[in-house]
Every structure is written in C-alpha cells, then in structure tokens.
Amino acid sequence: MKKYKIIISLIINLIISMITTGIVVSYFLGNTGPLIKYGYESFRFFTTDSNVIAAAASISVIISDIMILRGKINTYPKYVRIFKYIGTVSVMLTFCTVMLFLIHIYGPSALLSGTSFHMHFAAPLLSLISFCFIENDQKISFVGTLTGIVPMFIYAVIYIVNVVFIGEENGGWMDFYSFNSNGTWYITAVIMLCATYLISIIILLVHNLTSEKLHKLN
C-alpha cells in the first residue's frame, strides 16, 4: 500500500475513534438527553452501539496502519478488514435510518446537531470513505456480507424483547425508534434486516470494485 494512503487512513481512523470515545465517555459524565438518565442507558440505542463498533474497528486499523508504516506487515490482516467492514455497515445503517426515517419524526435539529452530528453523519461517512476508498488493497469474499448483519440481528432481538415482550411498563424499553408502531414490529424487523443486508452488499461491492480498479492501475 502507498504510504500516503496509510497516513490518510491513520488520520481518519484517529478522528473516528477519538471523537466517538470522547462522546461515549461524556454520556457517563452527565451529557445525557431526554431519553436517557444514566450513561449506560445510551447503549440501548443502536446509534451508540454501531459507533462503538466502528470506533473499535478503527482502532484495529490504526494499529495495522502503524505496523505497516514500520514495515512489520504489508497489508491489513483479514480479521481487521472484516471488523472494519462490520463497523462500516453498522454506522451506515444508522446513517440511512436517520436520513430516511427518523429525521422525519424528530427533525434535523435533534438528529444532526451537537454530538449527534458525529454519531449520525460524520462518523458513518468517514468510515465509508476510508473503508471503500482508502483501505481497499484487498477484496472481501461475498460470503462476508453475512457478517455485516450480525450487530443489527443481535440488536433487533434485544430491542424486540424489551419493547414488545417486556414492555416499558414492566421495566423494558420505550419504542424510541417507533418500530412497533401499530404493533407491526415483525414487519419492521424483516424490513430492517433486509435493508441491513442490502447495505452490506452495496458497501462490499463498492469496496471490491475500487480494489479491483486499484490493482489494474498497479
């Protein structure tokens, strides 16, 4: 990989991981909103979960970038590439859900200002850009698309159990994503899983396409 791309990757992933870490820490220091009282409650939201996954993946890329610059390795290990892919799919699901659905419920000022700007907009786009256009020296097998839906699937199960089967009145969660509107959670669950898989496919195809063009140029 070219040195300038490694440096760009290093900068982008440092931005993602450091800002996300700072925001999550701030939740535990009192930077909470109307839907959460304590910092740990922020993990009820897929926004927080997806950004934490993306930040952790960015840290693994940072470590690899440093090792490449020091000549210890020549490319990203497969597990790092897959981890970054999963993180990118997760935050892009957050981005798409906000832009196509939630923004019409809560409004732009609530979802694209303050820390939400990073979590809903900046981090997803930075993750997408770095994964698809910078960290694209190797292709990922199409089978890898299945890994992209794992975080959403796990979250969907937890969300449905807390919202539908336990209920807010019994200590579960309120339906803050309005996914159980009119009792249609089962339809929403299928739509969200299909949408996640579609995002997984698109991101993988773009990553592999830019990787193929890169190898042709070389």
Protein backbone atom coordinates (compact mmCIF):
# COMPACT_ATOMS: atom_id res chain seq x y z
CA MET A 1 0.00 0.00 0.00
CA LYS A 2 1.12 3.53 -0.76
CA LYS A 3 2.40 5.46 2.23
CA TYR A 4 0.11 8.45 1.70
CA LYS A 5 -2.97 6.20 1.84
CA ILE A 6 -1.80 4.67 5.09
CA ILE A 7 -1.34 8.14 6.57
CA ILE A 8 -4.81 9.24 5.41
CA SER A 9 -6.29 6.06 6.88
CA LEU A 10 -4.47 6.71 10.14
CA ILE A 11 -5.82 10.27 10.36
CA ILE A 12 -9.41 9.34 9.52
CA ASN A 13 -9.50 6.43 11.95
CA LEU A 14 -7.95 8.53 14.70
CA ILE A 15 -10.72 11.10 14.20
CA ILE A 16 -13.44 8.44 14.30
CA SER A 17 -12.11 6.60 17.36
CA MET A 18 -11.11 9.63 19.43
CA ILE A 19 -14.31 11.66 18.92
CA THR A 20 -16.56 8.63 19.42
CA THR A 21 -14.70 7.66 22.60
CA GLY A 22 -14.98 11.22 23.88
CA ILE A 23 -18.72 11.32 23.21
CA VAL A 24 -19.41 7.97 24.87
CA VAL A 25 -17.35 8.96 27.92
CA SER A 26 -19.30 12.22 28.10
CA TYR A 27 -22.53 10.22 28.47
CA PHE A 28 -21.17 8.88 31.76
CA LEU A 29 -20.22 12.40 32.85
CA GLY A 30 -23.72 13.82 32.57
CA ASN A 31 -24.04 14.59 28.87
CA THR A 32 -27.38 12.82 28.60
CA GLY A 33 -30.56 13.64 26.73
CA PRO A 34 -34.28 13.38 27.41
CA LEU A 35 -34.38 9.64 26.63
CA ILE A 36 -31.59 8.55 28.98
CA LYS A 37 -30.80 9.33 32.61
CA TYR A 38 -27.62 7.34 33.11
CA GLY A 39 -24.67 6.89 30.76
CA TYR A 40 -25.04 3.14 30.37
CA GLU A 41 -28.57 3.66 29.02
CA SER A 42 -27.04 5.15 25.86
CA PHE A 43 -26.23 1.59 24.80
CA ARG A 44 -29.94 0.97 24.35
CA PHE A 45 -29.60 2.90 21.11
CA PHE A 46 -28.14 1.29 18.02
CA THR A 47 -26.54 4.66 17.25
CA THR A 48 -24.23 4.27 20.24
CA ASP A 49 -23.65 0.57 19.66
CA SER A 50 -22.85 0.96 15.97
CA ASN A 51 -20.48 3.86 16.59
CA VAL A 52 -18.67 1.96 19.34
CA ILE A 53 -18.21 -0.99 16.96
CA ALA A 54 -16.94 1.37 14.25
CA ALA A 55 -14.58 3.08 16.71
CA ALA A 56 -13.20 -0.25 17.92
CA ALA A 57 -12.71 -1.31 14.31
CA SER A 58 -10.92 1.99 13.63
CA ILE A 59 -8.53 1.29 16.49
CA SER A 60 -7.67 -2.08 14.94
CA VAL A 61 -6.99 -0.29 11.64
CA ILE A 62 -4.83 2.30 13.40
CA ILE A 63 -2.70 -0.45 14.91
CA SER A 64 -2.35 -2.07 11.49
CA ASP A 65 -1.51 1.28 9.87
CA ILE A 66 1.31 1.82 12.36
CA MET A 67 2.61 -1.70 11.79
CA ILE A 68 2.54 -1.17 8.00
CA LEU A 69 4.39 2.14 8.31
CA ARG A 70 7.02 0.42 10.47
CA GLY A 71 7.40 -2.38 7.93
CA LYS A 72 6.09 -5.09 10.25
CA ILE A 73 3.27 -6.14 7.89
CA ASN A 74 2.43 -5.37 4.26
CA THR A 75 -1.36 -5.20 4.36
CA TYR A 76 -4.33 -5.32 6.72
CA PRO A 77 -4.96 -8.72 8.33
CA LYS A 78 -8.18 -10.35 7.21
CA TYR A 79 -9.82 -10.02 10.63
CA VAL A 80 -9.07 -6.27 10.67
CA ARG A 81 -10.62 -5.85 7.23
CA ILE A 82 -13.75 -7.78 8.24
CA PHE A 83 -14.01 -5.89 11.54
CA LYS A 84 -13.84 -2.54 9.73
CA TYR A 85 -16.43 -3.80 7.24
CA ILE A 86 -18.83 -4.74 10.05
CA GLY A 87 -18.32 -1.37 11.72
CA THR A 88 -18.89 0.49 8.46
CA VAL A 89 -22.10 -1.42 7.70
CA SER A 90 -23.36 -0.75 11.23
CA VAL A 91 -22.82 3.01 11.17
CA MET A 92 -24.13 3.30 7.63
CA LEU A 93 -27.32 1.58 8.80
CA THR A 94 -27.53 4.28 11.48
CA PHE A 95 -26.94 6.95 8.82
CA CYS A 96 -29.62 5.57 6.47
CA THR A 97 -32.16 5.07 9.27
CA VAL A 98 -31.68 8.66 10.43
CA MET A 99 -31.76 10.21 6.96
CA LEU A 100 -34.63 8.17 5.53
CA PHE A 101 -36.84 7.65 8.56
CA LEU A 102 -36.04 9.19 11.94
CA ILE A 103 -35.32 12.68 10.68
CA HIS A 104 -38.98 12.96 9.66
CA ILE A 105 -40.05 12.11 13.23
CA TYR A 106 -37.57 14.04 15.37
CA GLY A 107 -36.34 16.71 12.94
CA PRO A 108 -32.84 17.71 11.69
CA SER A 109 -32.00 19.85 14.71
CA ALA A 110 -32.38 16.90 17.08
CA LEU A 111 -30.52 14.38 14.95
CA LEU A 112 -27.80 16.42 13.23
CA SER A 113 -26.59 18.85 15.88
CA GLY A 114 -24.08 18.55 18.72
CA THR A 115 -22.72 15.08 19.32
CA SER A 116 -25.44 13.64 17.07
CA PHE A 117 -23.73 15.20 14.05
CA HIS A 118 -20.73 12.95 14.57
CA MET A 119 -22.67 9.82 15.52
CA HIS A 120 -25.35 10.11 12.82
CA PHE A 121 -23.47 11.77 9.98
CA ALA A 122 -19.71 12.35 10.19
CA ALA A 123 -18.55 9.00 11.60
CA PRO A 124 -20.62 6.93 9.14
CA LEU A 125 -19.36 8.86 6.12
CA LEU A 126 -15.75 8.85 7.32
CA SER A 127 -15.96 5.09 7.92
CA LEU A 128 -17.43 4.55 4.46
CA ILE A 129 -14.83 6.70 2.73
CA SER A 130 -11.87 5.12 4.50
CA PHE A 131 -13.09 1.53 4.05
CA CYS A 132 -14.18 1.79 0.41
CA PHE A 133 -11.56 4.17 -0.98
CA ILE A 134 -8.51 4.09 1.31
CA GLU A 135 -8.32 0.67 2.97
CA ASN A 136 -9.15 -1.13 -0.25
CA ASP A 137 -5.96 -3.01 -1.11
CA GLN A 138 -7.68 -6.41 -0.90
CA LYS A 139 -11.13 -7.70 -1.82
CA ILE A 140 -13.55 -9.31 0.61
CA SER A 141 -15.39 -12.51 -0.27
CA PHE A 142 -19.12 -12.11 -0.95
CA VAL A 143 -19.76 -14.56 1.90
CA GLY A 144 -18.51 -11.75 4.13
CA THR A 145 -21.77 -9.86 3.55
CA LEU A 146 -23.38 -12.12 6.14
CA THR A 147 -21.09 -10.72 8.85
CA GLY A 148 -22.44 -7.24 8.19
CA ILE A 149 -25.89 -8.08 9.56
CA VAL A 150 -24.69 -9.65 12.81
CA PRO A 151 -24.78 -6.49 15.01
CA MET A 152 -28.21 -5.49 13.69
CA PHE A 153 -29.60 -9.00 14.18
CA ILE A 154 -28.40 -9.16 17.79
CA TYR A 155 -29.71 -5.66 18.48
CA ALA A 156 -33.07 -6.43 16.84
CA VAL A 157 -33.59 -9.43 19.12
CA ILE A 158 -32.76 -7.39 22.24
CA TYR A 159 -34.92 -4.46 21.10
CA ILE A 160 -37.95 -6.64 20.32
CA VAL A 161 -37.71 -8.49 23.63
CA ASN A 162 -37.53 -5.24 25.62
CA VAL A 163 -40.10 -3.25 23.65
CA VAL A 164 -42.63 -5.90 22.64
CA PHE A 165 -42.42 -8.81 25.08
CA ILE A 166 -41.39 -7.00 28.29
CA GLY A 167 -42.77 -3.54 27.60
CA GLU A 168 -41.87 -0.18 29.10
CA GLU A 169 -44.44 -0.56 31.87
CA ASN A 170 -42.66 -3.70 33.09
CA GLY A 171 -39.15 -2.28 33.04
CA GLY A 172 -38.42 -2.76 29.34
CA TRP A 173 -37.70 -0.03 26.81
CA MET A 174 -39.93 2.56 25.26
CA ASP A 175 -40.29 2.23 21.49
CA PHE A 176 -37.97 5.17 20.79
CA TYR A 177 -37.45 4.12 17.17
CA SER A 178 -41.21 3.73 16.60
CA PHE A 179 -40.53 0.33 15.04
CA ASN A 180 -43.53 -1.21 16.79
CA SER A 181 -45.97 1.43 15.60
CA ASN A 182 -49.45 -0.15 15.41
CA GLY A 183 -47.96 -3.45 16.54
CA THR A 184 -46.10 -4.09 13.28
CA TRP A 185 -42.72 -4.95 14.82
CA TYR A 186 -42.46 -8.19 12.85
CA ILE A 187 -42.79 -6.31 9.55
CA THR A 188 -40.29 -3.67 10.65
CA ALA A 189 -37.83 -6.36 11.77
CA VAL A 190 -37.88 -8.02 8.35
CA ILE A 191 -37.52 -4.65 6.59
CA MET A 192 -34.58 -3.62 8.78
CA LEU A 193 -32.74 -6.91 8.35
CA CYS A 194 -33.26 -6.81 4.59
CA ALA A 195 -32.14 -3.16 4.49
CA THR A 196 -29.04 -4.04 6.53
CA TYR A 197 -28.15 -6.85 4.18
CA LEU A 198 -28.65 -4.57 1.18
CA ILE A 199 -26.29 -2.02 2.76
CA SER A 200 -23.81 -4.85 3.41
CA ILE A 201 -23.91 -5.89 -0.25
CA ILE A 202 -23.56 -2.35 -1.60
CA ILE A 203 -20.61 -1.49 0.65
CA LEU A 204 -18.83 -4.75 -0.16
CA LEU A 205 -19.37 -4.27 -3.90
CA VAL A 206 -18.02 -0.71 -3.80
CA HIS A 207 -15.03 -1.80 -1.73
CA ASN A 208 -14.25 -4.68 -4.09
CA LEU A 209 -14.80 -2.55 -7.20
CA THR A 210 -12.36 0.14 -6.06
CA SER A 211 -9.92 -2.60 -5.01
CA GLU A 212 -10.11 -4.17 -8.48
CA LYS A 213 -9.52 -0.82 -10.18
CA LEU A 214 -6.58 -0.17 -7.86
CA HIS A 215 -4.93 -3.45 -8.83
CA LYS A 216 -5.47 -2.74 -12.53
CA LEU A 217 -3.76 0.63 -12.16
CA ASN A 218 -0.83 -1.04 -10.43
